[in-house]
Amino acid sequence: MCQKVFLAIGNETRQSIITVLMETTCTNGLRVGEITEKTHLSRPAVSHHLRILREAGIIMVREEGSKNYYFMDVRTKLGVLKNLINHLDEFMEQYY
């Protein structure tokens, strides 16, 4: 259930993109060009990594005409990962 999420967030470039999306004050999401500016990656590289993050269910996209806005949402697969980590934490507390 979490394998795609682990594979997607295991890459430092995608971690950088996730950080940019989490730290933005823009509530509507960011466009590829804005993410490119903040990460100093090429536009094709950002698009490639955004596709992987979307397919893993970590980020969401809102389409507005021909524009795409990428954003983090608590309903993504990261919520599933958070629950898994919480359960692991509870399990570990039983033994330490």
Protein backbone atom coordinates (compact mmCIF):
# COMPACT_ATOMS: atom_id res chain seq x y z
CA MET A 1 0.00 0.00 0.00
CA CYS A 2 2.87 2.42 0.77
CA GLN A 3 5.46 1.06 -1.66
CA LYS A 4 4.84 3.72 -4.35
CA VAL A 5 4.96 6.42 -1.70
CA PHE A 6 8.26 5.17 -0.30
CA LEU A 7 9.79 4.94 -3.77
CA ALA A 8 8.59 8.43 -4.67
CA ILE A 9 9.76 10.16 -1.50
CA GLY A 10 13.06 8.27 -1.48
CA ASN A 11 14.44 10.56 -4.17
CA GLU A 12 16.14 13.78 -2.99
CA THR A 13 14.85 15.79 -5.95
CA ARG A 14 11.27 14.81 -5.19
CA GLN A 15 11.85 15.58 -1.51
CA SER A 16 12.90 19.07 -2.61
CA ILE A 17 9.71 19.49 -4.64
CA ILE A 18 7.58 18.24 -1.75
CA THR A 19 9.30 20.72 0.57
CA VAL A 20 8.62 23.59 -1.85
CA LEU A 21 4.95 22.62 -2.05
CA MET A 22 4.63 22.30 1.73
CA GLU A 23 6.35 25.63 2.40
CA THR A 24 4.43 27.74 -0.10
CA THR A 25 2.03 30.33 1.23
CA CYS A 26 0.06 30.16 -2.02
CA THR A 27 -3.15 28.30 -1.26
CA ASN A 28 -3.99 27.70 -4.93
CA GLY A 29 -0.92 25.58 -5.67
CA LEU A 30 2.16 26.22 -7.75
CA ARG A 31 2.77 25.94 -11.48
CA VAL A 32 5.72 24.04 -12.93
CA GLY A 33 7.58 27.29 -13.67
CA GLU A 34 7.28 28.44 -10.05
CA ILE A 35 8.54 25.08 -8.77
CA THR A 36 11.39 25.26 -11.29
CA GLU A 37 12.44 28.67 -9.94
CA LYS A 38 12.38 27.51 -6.33
CA THR A 39 14.22 24.22 -6.91
CA HIS A 40 16.66 25.39 -9.62
CA LEU A 41 15.83 22.27 -11.63
CA SER A 42 15.03 22.19 -15.33
CA ARG A 43 11.41 22.38 -16.35
CA PRO A 44 11.46 18.86 -17.88
CA ALA A 45 13.00 17.46 -14.67
CA VAL A 46 10.33 19.12 -12.52
CA SER A 47 7.56 17.83 -14.80
CA HIS A 48 9.02 14.31 -14.66
CA HIS A 49 9.21 14.27 -10.86
CA LEU A 50 5.75 15.85 -10.48
CA ARG A 51 4.33 13.02 -12.59
CA ILE A 52 5.92 10.43 -10.29
CA LEU A 53 4.61 12.23 -7.19
CA ARG A 54 1.12 12.41 -8.71
CA GLU A 55 1.12 8.74 -9.68
CA ALA A 56 2.15 7.85 -6.13
CA GLY A 57 -0.78 9.90 -4.82
CA ILE A 58 1.44 12.31 -2.87
CA ILE A 59 0.51 15.54 -4.61
CA MET A 60 -2.59 16.71 -6.37
CA VAL A 61 -3.15 18.89 -9.41
CA ARG A 62 -5.87 21.43 -10.07
CA GLU A 63 -6.49 22.24 -13.71
CA GLU A 64 -7.61 25.74 -14.60
CA GLY A 65 -7.98 26.02 -18.35
CA SER A 66 -4.57 25.15 -19.77
CA LYS A 67 -2.81 25.81 -16.46
CA ASN A 68 -1.98 23.14 -13.88
CA TYR A 69 -1.48 23.98 -10.21
CA TYR A 70 0.28 21.41 -8.01
CA PHE A 71 -0.36 21.24 -4.27
CA MET A 72 -0.17 19.11 -1.15
CA ASP A 73 -3.39 17.90 0.42
CA VAL A 74 -3.94 16.00 3.66
CA ARG A 75 -6.06 13.50 1.73
CA THR A 76 -3.09 12.24 -0.28
CA LYS A 77 -1.21 9.01 0.30
CA LEU A 78 1.04 10.84 2.75
CA GLY A 79 -1.86 10.53 5.19
CA VAL A 80 -1.66 6.74 4.81
CA LEU A 81 2.09 6.92 5.39
CA LYS A 82 1.55 9.07 8.49
CA ASN A 83 -0.84 6.46 9.90
CA LEU A 84 1.72 3.73 9.24
CA ILE A 85 4.42 5.73 11.03
CA ASN A 86 2.08 6.38 13.96
CA HIS A 87 1.37 2.66 14.27
CA LEU A 88 5.10 1.89 14.11
CA ASP A 89 5.71 4.48 16.80
CA GLU A 90 3.05 2.93 19.06
CA PHE A 91 4.53 -0.52 18.45
CA MET A 92 8.04 0.68 19.31
CA GLU A 93 6.84 2.38 22.52
CA GLN A 94 5.65 -1.00 23.78
CA TYR A 95 9.20 -2.31 23.70
CA TYR A 96 11.28 0.72 24.67
